[in-house]
């Protein structure tokens, strides 16, 4: 499942550089996560780095984009191929 950033985001800029897929960007008001790039750090880390680092705990699973661990792994592999 992709993650999403809630409106309680304080724009601290900790999450974006920590994302190994470049899925987090600054939106109009708060940071945003591109579901097409978010793998919850599957393939890179054991835990989503943005969630681990967020000081206000404003990042949660996005119910609009449910994905299984197998689907997240497949997305990771696809993204890696696109980077080559």
PDB file of N, CA and C in Angstrom:
ATOM      1  N   UNK A   1       0.855  -1.166   0.000  1.00  0.00           N
ATOM      2  CA  UNK A   1       0.000   0.000   0.000  1.00  0.00           C
ATOM      3  C   UNK A   1       0.899   1.226   0.000  1.00  0.00           C
ATOM      4  N   UNK A   2       0.628   2.133  -0.872  1.00  0.00           N
ATOM      5  CA  UNK A   2       1.377   3.380  -0.876  1.00  0.00           C
ATOM      6  C   UNK A   2       1.055   4.142   0.407  1.00  0.00           C
ATOM      7  N   UNK A   3       1.906   5.079   0.728  1.00  0.00           N
ATOM      8  CA  UNK A   3       1.700   5.896   1.913  1.00  0.00           C
ATOM      9  C   UNK A   3       1.160   7.257   1.502  1.00  0.00           C
ATOM     10  N   UNK A   4       0.630   7.980   2.478  1.00  0.00           N
ATOM     11  CA  UNK A   4       0.165   9.345   2.223  1.00  0.00           C
ATOM     12  C   UNK A   4       0.572  10.220   3.396  1.00  0.00           C
ATOM     13  N   UNK A   5       0.691  11.503   3.130  1.00  0.00           N
ATOM     14  CA  UNK A   5       1.050  12.478   4.159  1.00  0.00           C
ATOM     15  C   UNK A   5      -0.206  13.254   4.518  1.00  0.00           C
ATOM     16  N   UNK A   6      -0.456  13.339   5.799  1.00  0.00           N
ATOM     17  CA  UNK A   6      -1.651  14.019   6.296  1.00  0.00           C
ATOM     18  C   UNK A   6      -1.441  15.522   6.390  1.00  0.00           C
ATOM     19  N   UNK A   7      -2.540  16.248   6.559  1.00  0.00           N
ATOM     20  CA  UNK A   7      -2.492  17.710   6.636  1.00  0.00           C
ATOM     21  C   UNK A   7      -1.760  18.221   7.862  1.00  0.00           C
ATOM     22  N   UNK A   8      -1.456  17.351   8.800  1.00  0.00           N
ATOM     23  CA  UNK A   8      -0.705  17.762   9.986  1.00  0.00           C
ATOM     24  C   UNK A   8       0.793  17.905   9.703  1.00  0.00           C
ATOM     25  N   UNK A   9       1.201  17.670   8.470  1.00  0.00           N
ATOM     26  CA  UNK A   9       2.593  17.829   8.043  1.00  0.00           C
ATOM     27  C   UNK A   9       3.065  19.253   8.359  1.00  0.00           C
ATOM     28  N   UNK A  10       4.282  19.353   8.910  1.00  0.00           N
ATOM     29  CA  UNK A  10       4.836  20.672   9.248  1.00  0.00           C
ATOM     30  C   UNK A  10       5.902  21.117   8.242  1.00  0.00           C
ATOM     31  N   UNK A  11       6.016  20.421   7.127  1.00  0.00           N
ATOM     32  CA  UNK A  11       6.976  20.766   6.077  1.00  0.00           C
ATOM     33  C   UNK A  11       8.407  20.860   6.597  1.00  0.00           C
ATOM     34  N   UNK A  12       8.799  19.889   7.391  1.00  0.00           N
ATOM     35  CA  UNK A  12      10.136  19.908   7.990  1.00  0.00           C
ATOM     36  C   UNK A  12      11.231  19.484   7.009  1.00  0.00           C
ATOM     37  N   UNK A  13      10.854  18.906   5.875  1.00  0.00           N
ATOM     38  CA  UNK A  13      11.795  18.494   4.832  1.00  0.00           C
ATOM     39  C   UNK A  13      12.682  17.319   5.232  1.00  0.00           C
ATOM     40  N   UNK A  14      12.218  16.490   6.140  1.00  0.00           N
ATOM     41  CA  UNK A  14      12.984  15.314   6.536  1.00  0.00           C
ATOM     42  C   UNK A  14      12.656  14.130   5.635  1.00  0.00           C
ATOM     43  N   UNK A  15      11.416  14.016   5.217  1.00  0.00           N
ATOM     44  CA  UNK A  15      10.969  12.829   4.479  1.00  0.00           C
ATOM     45  C   UNK A  15      11.474  12.772   3.038  1.00  0.00           C
ATOM     46  N   UNK A  16      11.421  13.859   2.332  1.00  0.00           N
ATOM     47  CA  UNK A  16      11.750  13.841   0.899  1.00  0.00           C
ATOM     48  C   UNK A  16      13.155  13.307   0.607  1.00  0.00           C
ATOM     49  N   UNK A  17      14.187  13.809   1.272  1.00  0.00           N
ATOM     50  CA  UNK A  17      15.525  13.285   0.971  1.00  0.00           C
ATOM     51  C   UNK A  17      15.717  11.827   1.399  1.00  0.00           C
ATOM     52  N   UNK A  18      14.901  11.349   2.323  1.00  0.00           N
ATOM     53  CA  UNK A  18      15.027   9.972   2.818  1.00  0.00           C
ATOM     54  C   UNK A  18      14.377   8.949   1.898  1.00  0.00           C
ATOM     55  N   UNK A  19      13.544   9.396   0.970  1.00  0.00           N
ATOM     56  CA  UNK A  19      12.821   8.467   0.104  1.00  0.00           C
ATOM     57  C   UNK A  19      13.737   7.937  -1.003  1.00  0.00           C
ATOM     58  N   UNK A  20      14.009   6.626  -1.003  1.00  0.00           N
ATOM     59  CA  UNK A  20      14.915   6.079  -2.017  1.00  0.00           C
ATOM     60  C   UNK A  20      14.331   6.052  -3.427  1.00  0.00           C
ATOM     61  N   UNK A  21      13.024   6.220  -3.542  1.00  0.00           N
ATOM     62  CA  UNK A  21      12.378   6.194  -4.856  1.00  0.00           C
ATOM     63  C   UNK A  21      12.053   7.578  -5.396  1.00  0.00           C
ATOM     64  N   UNK A  22      12.323   8.619  -4.638  1.00  0.00           N
ATOM     65  CA  UNK A  22      11.977   9.965  -5.084  1.00  0.00           C
ATOM     66  C   UNK A  22      10.479  10.179  -5.173  1.00  0.00           C
ATOM     67  N   UNK A  23       9.731   9.481  -4.328  1.00  0.00           N
ATOM     68  CA  UNK A  23       8.270   9.550  -4.382  1.00  0.00           C
ATOM     69  C   UNK A  23       7.692  10.755  -3.654  1.00  0.00           C
ATOM     70  N   UNK A  24       8.498  11.423  -2.832  1.00  0.00           N
ATOM     71  CA  UNK A  24       7.990  12.525  -2.013  1.00  0.00           C
ATOM     72  C   UNK A  24       8.458  13.860  -2.585  1.00  0.00           C
ATOM     73  N   UNK A  25       7.495  14.742  -2.826  1.00  0.00           N
ATOM     74  CA  UNK A  25       7.792  16.073  -3.343  1.00  0.00           C
ATOM     75  C   UNK A  25       6.970  17.112  -2.589  1.00  0.00           C
ATOM     76  N   UNK A  26       7.393  18.347  -2.681  1.00  0.00           N
ATOM     77  CA  UNK A  26       6.655  19.432  -2.049  1.00  0.00           C
ATOM     78  C   UNK A  26       5.408  19.739  -2.862  1.00  0.00           C
ATOM     79  N   UNK A  27       4.263  19.691  -2.224  1.00  0.00           N
ATOM     80  CA  UNK A  27       3.008  20.045  -2.877  1.00  0.00           C
ATOM     81  C   UNK A  27       2.706  21.513  -2.636  1.00  0.00           C
ATOM     82  N   UNK A  28       1.486  21.926  -2.924  1.00  0.00           N
ATOM     83  CA  UNK A  28       1.112  23.326  -2.726  1.00  0.00           C
ATOM     84  C   UNK A  28       1.175  23.734  -1.257  1.00  0.00           C
ATOM     85  N   UNK A  29       0.698  22.862  -0.374  1.00  0.00           N
ATOM     86  CA  UNK A  29       0.664  23.202   1.049  1.00  0.00           C
ATOM     87  C   UNK A  29       1.571  22.311   1.902  1.00  0.00           C
ATOM     88  N   UNK A  30       1.628  21.025   1.558  1.00  0.00           N
ATOM     89  CA  UNK A  30       2.433  20.066   2.316  1.00  0.00           C
ATOM     90  C   UNK A  30       3.129  19.121   1.348  1.00  0.00           C
ATOM     91  N   UNK A  31       4.009  18.301   1.891  1.00  0.00           N
ATOM     92  CA  UNK A  31       4.653  17.297   1.054  1.00  0.00           C
ATOM     93  C   UNK A  31       3.628  16.270   0.597  1.00  0.00           C
ATOM     94  N   UNK A  32       3.895  15.667  -0.552  1.00  0.00           N
ATOM     95  CA  UNK A  32       2.979  14.676  -1.125  1.00  0.00           C
ATOM     96  C   UNK A  32       3.781  13.452  -1.550  1.00  0.00           C
ATOM     97  N   UNK A  33       3.112  12.299  -1.541  1.00  0.00           N
ATOM     98  CA  UNK A  33       3.742  11.049  -1.959  1.00  0.00           C
ATOM     99  C   UNK A  33       3.063  10.564  -3.242  1.00  0.00           C
ATOM    100  N   UNK A  34       3.870  10.310  -4.273  1.00  0.00           N
ATOM    101  CA  UNK A  34       3.346   9.776  -5.536  1.00  0.00           C
ATOM    102  C   UNK A  34       3.125   8.277  -5.364  1.00  0.00           C
ATOM    103  N   UNK A  35       1.873   7.824  -5.387  1.00  0.00           N
ATOM    104  CA  UNK A  35       1.591   6.398  -5.199  1.00  0.00           C
ATOM    105  C   UNK A  35       2.293   5.504  -6.220  1.00  0.00           C
ATOM    106  N   UNK A  36       2.525   6.016  -7.402  1.00  0.00           N
ATOM    107  CA  UNK A  36       3.169   5.210  -8.440  1.00  0.00           C
ATOM    108  C   UNK A  36       4.641   4.935  -8.142  1.00  0.00           C
ATOM    109  N   UNK A  37       5.234   5.698  -7.223  1.00  0.00           N
ATOM    110  CA  UNK A  37       6.646   5.522  -6.877  1.00  0.00           C
ATOM    111  C   UNK A  37       6.856   4.992  -5.466  1.00  0.00           C
ATOM    112  N   UNK A  38       5.830   5.014  -4.642  1.00  0.00           N
ATOM    113  CA  UNK A  38       5.977   4.591  -3.239  1.00  0.00           C
ATOM    114  C   UNK A  38       5.906   3.074  -3.121  1.00  0.00           C
ATOM    115  N   UNK A  39       6.977   2.486  -2.575  1.00  0.00           N
ATOM    116  CA  UNK A  39       7.013   1.049  -2.321  1.00  0.00           C
ATOM    117  C   UNK A  39       7.100   0.764  -0.823  1.00  0.00           C
ATOM    118  N   UNK A  40       6.863   1.782  -0.001  1.00  0.00           N
ATOM    119  CA  UNK A  40       7.045   1.667   1.447  1.00  0.00           C
ATOM    120  C   UNK A  40       8.465   1.207   1.758  1.00  0.00           C
ATOM    121  N   UNK A  41       9.383   1.556   0.906  1.00  0.00           N
ATOM    122  CA  UNK A  41      10.808   1.225   1.014  1.00  0.00           C
ATOM    123  C   UNK A  41      11.106  -0.254   0.826  1.00  0.00           C
ATOM    124  N   UNK A  42      10.119  -1.036   0.344  1.00  0.00           N
ATOM    125  CA  UNK A  42      10.370  -2.444   0.017  1.00  0.00           C
ATOM    126  C   UNK A  42      11.495  -2.483  -1.014  1.00  0.00           C
ATOM    127  N   UNK A  43      12.454  -3.353  -0.780  1.00  0.00           N
ATOM    128  CA  UNK A  43      13.597  -3.466  -1.675  1.00  0.00           C
ATOM    129  C   UNK A  43      14.772  -2.612  -1.251  1.00  0.00           C
ATOM    130  N   UNK A  44      14.522  -1.648  -0.372  1.00  0.00           N
ATOM    131  CA  UNK A  44      15.582  -0.757   0.103  1.00  0.00           C
ATOM    132  C   UNK A  44      15.829  -0.922   1.607  1.00  0.00           C
ATOM    133  N   UNK A  45      14.756  -0.850   2.388  1.00  0.00           N
ATOM    134  CA  UNK A  45      14.850  -0.871   3.850  1.00  0.00           C
ATOM    135  C   UNK A  45      13.755  -1.764   4.434  1.00  0.00           C
ATOM    136  N   UNK A  46      13.910  -2.131   5.690  1.00  0.00           N
ATOM    137  CA  UNK A  46      12.905  -2.946   6.375  1.00  0.00           C
ATOM    138  C   UNK A  46      11.674  -2.144   6.764  1.00  0.00           C
ATOM    139  N   UNK A  47      11.830  -0.833   6.927  1.00  0.00           N
ATOM    140  CA  UNK A  47      10.718   0.034   7.312  1.00  0.00           C
ATOM    141  C   UNK A  47      10.707   1.272   6.413  1.00  0.00           C
ATOM    142  N   UNK A  48       9.529   1.847   6.179  1.00  0.00           N
ATOM    143  CA  UNK A  48       9.471   3.088   5.395  1.00  0.00           C
ATOM    144  C   UNK A  48      10.265   4.185   6.105  1.00  0.00           C
ATOM    145  N   UNK A  49      11.232   4.719   5.428  1.00  0.00           N
ATOM    146  CA  UNK A  49      12.104   5.722   6.033  1.00  0.00           C
ATOM    147  C   UNK A  49      11.374   7.008   6.386  1.00  0.00           C
ATOM    148  N   UNK A  50      10.414   7.399   5.571  1.00  0.00           N
ATOM    149  CA  UNK A  50       9.668   8.627   5.864  1.00  0.00           C
ATOM    150  C   UNK A  50       8.898   8.497   7.173  1.00  0.00           C
ATOM    151  N   UNK A  51       8.296   7.333   7.398  1.00  0.00           N
ATOM    152  CA  UNK A  51       7.542   7.095   8.630  1.00  0.00           C
ATOM    153  C   UNK A  51       8.488   7.103   9.823  1.00  0.00           C
ATOM    154  N   UNK A  52       9.625   6.465   9.669  1.00  0.00           N
ATOM    155  CA  UNK A  52      10.602   6.378  10.748  1.00  0.00           C
ATOM    156  C   UNK A  52      11.118   7.757  11.159  1.00  0.00           C
ATOM    157  N   UNK A  53      11.326   8.630  10.182  1.00  0.00           N
ATOM    158  CA  UNK A  53      11.929   9.932  10.449  1.00  0.00           C
ATOM    159  C   UNK A  53      10.942  11.052  10.766  1.00  0.00           C
ATOM    160  N   UNK A  54       9.687  10.896  10.418  1.00  0.00           N
ATOM    161  CA  UNK A  54       8.707  11.975  10.572  1.00  0.00           C
ATOM    162  C   UNK A  54       8.540  12.362  12.052  1.00  0.00           C
ATOM    163  N   UNK A  55       8.815  13.621  12.391  1.00  0.00           N
ATOM    164  CA  UNK A  55       8.725  14.038  13.795  1.00  0.00           C
ATOM    165  C   UNK A  55       7.297  14.231  14.301  1.00  0.00           C
ATOM    166  N   UNK A  56       6.328  14.342  13.399  1.00  0.00           N
ATOM    167  CA  UNK A  56       4.941  14.565  13.835  1.00  0.00           C
ATOM    168  C   UNK A  56       4.023  13.384  13.490  1.00  0.00           C
ATOM    169  N   UNK A  57       4.612  12.300  13.028  1.00  0.00           N
ATOM    170  CA  UNK A  57       3.864  11.073  12.727  1.00  0.00           C
ATOM    171  C   UNK A  57       2.638  11.333  11.846  1.00  0.00           C
ATOM    172  N   UNK A  58       2.877  12.008  10.725  1.00  0.00           N
ATOM    173  CA  UNK A  58       1.771  12.368   9.839  1.00  0.00           C
ATOM    174  C   UNK A  58       1.746  11.554   8.550  1.00  0.00           C
ATOM    175  N   UNK A  59       2.420  10.408   8.535  1.00  0.00           N
ATOM    176  CA  UNK A  59       2.459   9.570   7.342  1.00  0.00           C
ATOM    177  C   UNK A  59       1.822   8.224   7.680  1.00  0.00           C
ATOM    178  N   UNK A  60       0.861   7.835   6.848  1.00  0.00           N
ATOM    179  CA  UNK A  60       0.122   6.600   7.104  1.00  0.00           C
ATOM    180  C   UNK A  60      -0.174   5.889   5.793  1.00  0.00           C
ATOM    181  N   UNK A  61      -0.590   4.615   5.871  1.00  0.00           N
ATOM    182  CA  UNK A  61      -0.986   3.907   4.639  1.00  0.00           C
ATOM    183  C   UNK A  61      -2.145   4.620   3.950  1.00  0.00           C
ATOM    184  N   UNK A  62      -2.087   4.652   2.645  1.00  0.00           N
ATOM    185  CA  UNK A  62      -3.130   5.299   1.848  1.00  0.00           C
ATOM    186  C   UNK A  62      -4.182   4.260   1.460  1.00  0.00           C
ATOM    187  N   UNK A  63      -5.377   4.337   2.058  1.00  0.00           N
ATOM    188  CA  UNK A  63      -6.401   3.328   1.773  1.00  0.00           C
ATOM    189  C   UNK A  63      -6.890   3.332   0.322  1.00  0.00           C
ATOM    190  N   UNK A  64      -6.609   4.386  -0.398  1.00  0.00           N
ATOM    191  CA  UNK A  64      -7.020   4.469  -1.805  1.00  0.00           C
ATOM    192  C   UNK A  64      -6.093   3.626  -2.690  1.00  0.00           C
ATOM    193  N   UNK A  65      -4.902   3.314  -2.193  1.00  0.00           N
ATOM    194  CA  UNK A  65      -3.913   2.570  -2.975  1.00  0.00           C
ATOM    195  C   UNK A  65      -3.436   1.329  -2.223  1.00  0.00           C
ATOM    196  N   UNK A  66      -4.322   0.352  -2.023  1.00  0.00           N
ATOM    197  CA  UNK A  66      -3.912  -0.868  -1.320  1.00  0.00           C
ATOM    198  C   UNK A  66      -3.000  -1.738  -2.194  1.00  0.00           C
ATOM    199  N   UNK A  67      -1.911  -2.219  -1.613  1.00  0.00           N
ATOM    200  CA  UNK A  67      -0.987  -3.099  -2.327  1.00  0.00           C
ATOM    201  C   UNK A  67      -0.436  -4.131  -1.344  1.00  0.00           C
ATOM    202  N   UNK A  68      -0.269  -5.331  -1.824  1.00  0.00           N
ATOM    203  CA  UNK A  68       0.304  -6.400  -1.008  1.00  0.00           C
ATOM    204  C   UNK A  68       1.830  -6.274  -1.029  1.00  0.00           C
ATOM    205  N   UNK A  69       2.503  -6.971  -0.129  1.00  0.00           N
ATOM    206  CA  UNK A  69       3.970  -6.984  -0.179  1.00  0.00           C
ATOM    207  C   UNK A  69       4.506  -7.470  -1.534  1.00  0.00           C
ATOM    208  N   UNK A  70       3.831  -8.410  -2.146  1.00  0.00           N
ATOM    209  CA  UNK A  70       4.251  -8.913  -3.466  1.00  0.00           C
ATOM    210  C   UNK A  70       4.121  -7.804  -4.516  1.00  0.00           C
ATOM    211  N   UNK A  71       3.037  -7.062  -4.460  1.00  0.00           N
ATOM    212  CA  UNK A  71       2.844  -5.955  -5.412  1.00  0.00           C
ATOM    213  C   UNK A  71       3.870  -4.847  -5.183  1.00  0.00           C
ATOM    214  N   UNK A  72       4.193  -4.566  -3.920  1.00  0.00           N
ATOM    215  CA  UNK A  72       5.207  -3.552  -3.622  1.00  0.00           C
ATOM    216  C   UNK A  72       6.571  -3.987  -4.147  1.00  0.00           C
ATOM    217  N   UNK A  73       6.899  -5.265  -4.009  1.00  0.00           N
ATOM    218  CA  UNK A  73       8.163  -5.786  -4.524  1.00  0.00           C
ATOM    219  C   UNK A  73       8.204  -5.672  -6.048  1.00  0.00           C
ATOM    220  N   UNK A  74       7.097  -5.986  -6.703  1.00  0.00           N
ATOM    221  CA  UNK A  74       7.034  -5.873  -8.164  1.00  0.00           C
ATOM    222  C   UNK A  74       7.195  -4.415  -8.600  1.00  0.00           C
ATOM    223  N   UNK A  75       6.594  -3.495  -7.851  1.00  0.00           N
ATOM    224  CA  UNK A  75       6.739  -2.074  -8.179  1.00  0.00           C
ATOM    225  C   UNK A  75       8.195  -1.640  -8.000  1.00  0.00           C
ATOM    226  N   UNK A  76       8.829  -2.103  -6.915  1.00  0.00           N
ATOM    227  CA  UNK A  76      10.243  -1.801  -6.690  1.00  0.00           C
ATOM    228  C   UNK A  76      11.081  -2.268  -7.876  1.00  0.00           C
ATOM    229  N   UNK A  77      10.859  -3.501  -8.326  1.00  0.00           N
ATOM    230  CA  UNK A  77      11.630  -4.051  -9.438  1.00  0.00           C
ATOM    231  C   UNK A  77      11.388  -3.268 -10.726  1.00  0.00           C
ATOM    232  N   UNK A  78      10.140  -2.863 -10.960  1.00  0.00           N
ATOM    233  CA  UNK A  78       9.823  -2.054 -12.146  1.00  0.00           C
ATOM    234  C   UNK A  78      10.543  -0.706 -12.085  1.00  0.00           C
ATOM    235  N   UNK A  79      10.507  -0.064 -10.926  1.00  0.00           N
ATOM    236  CA  UNK A  79      11.157   1.227 -10.768  1.00  0.00           C
ATOM    237  C   UNK A  79      12.675   1.106 -10.971  1.00  0.00           C
ATOM    238  N   UNK A  80      13.254   0.019 -10.495  1.00  0.00           N
ATOM    239  CA  UNK A  80      14.694  -0.186 -10.681  1.00  0.00           C
ATOM    240  C   UNK A  80      15.039  -0.339 -12.158  1.00  0.00           C
ATOM    241  N   UNK A  81      14.196  -1.024 -12.911  1.00  0.00           N
ATOM    242  CA  UNK A  81      14.426  -1.182 -14.351  1.00  0.00           C
ATOM    243  C   UNK A  81      14.327   0.153 -15.079  1.00  0.00           C
ATOM    244  N   UNK A  82      13.415   1.003 -14.631  1.00  0.00           N
ATOM    245  CA  UNK A  82      13.243   2.315 -15.267  1.00  0.00           C
ATOM    246  C   UNK A  82      14.442   3.224 -15.004  1.00  0.00           C
ATOM    247  N   UNK A  83      15.164   2.984 -13.919  1.00  0.00           N
ATOM    248  CA  UNK A  83      16.316   3.814 -13.564  1.00  0.00           C
ATOM    249  C   UNK A  83      17.552   3.453 -14.383  1.00  0.00           C
ATOM    250  N   UNK A  84      17.545   2.279 -14.996  1.00  0.00           N
ATOM    251  CA  UNK A  84      18.717   1.818 -15.747  1.00  0.00           C
ATOM    252  C   UNK A  84      18.820   2.501 -17.079  1.00  0.00           C
TER     253      UNK A  84
END
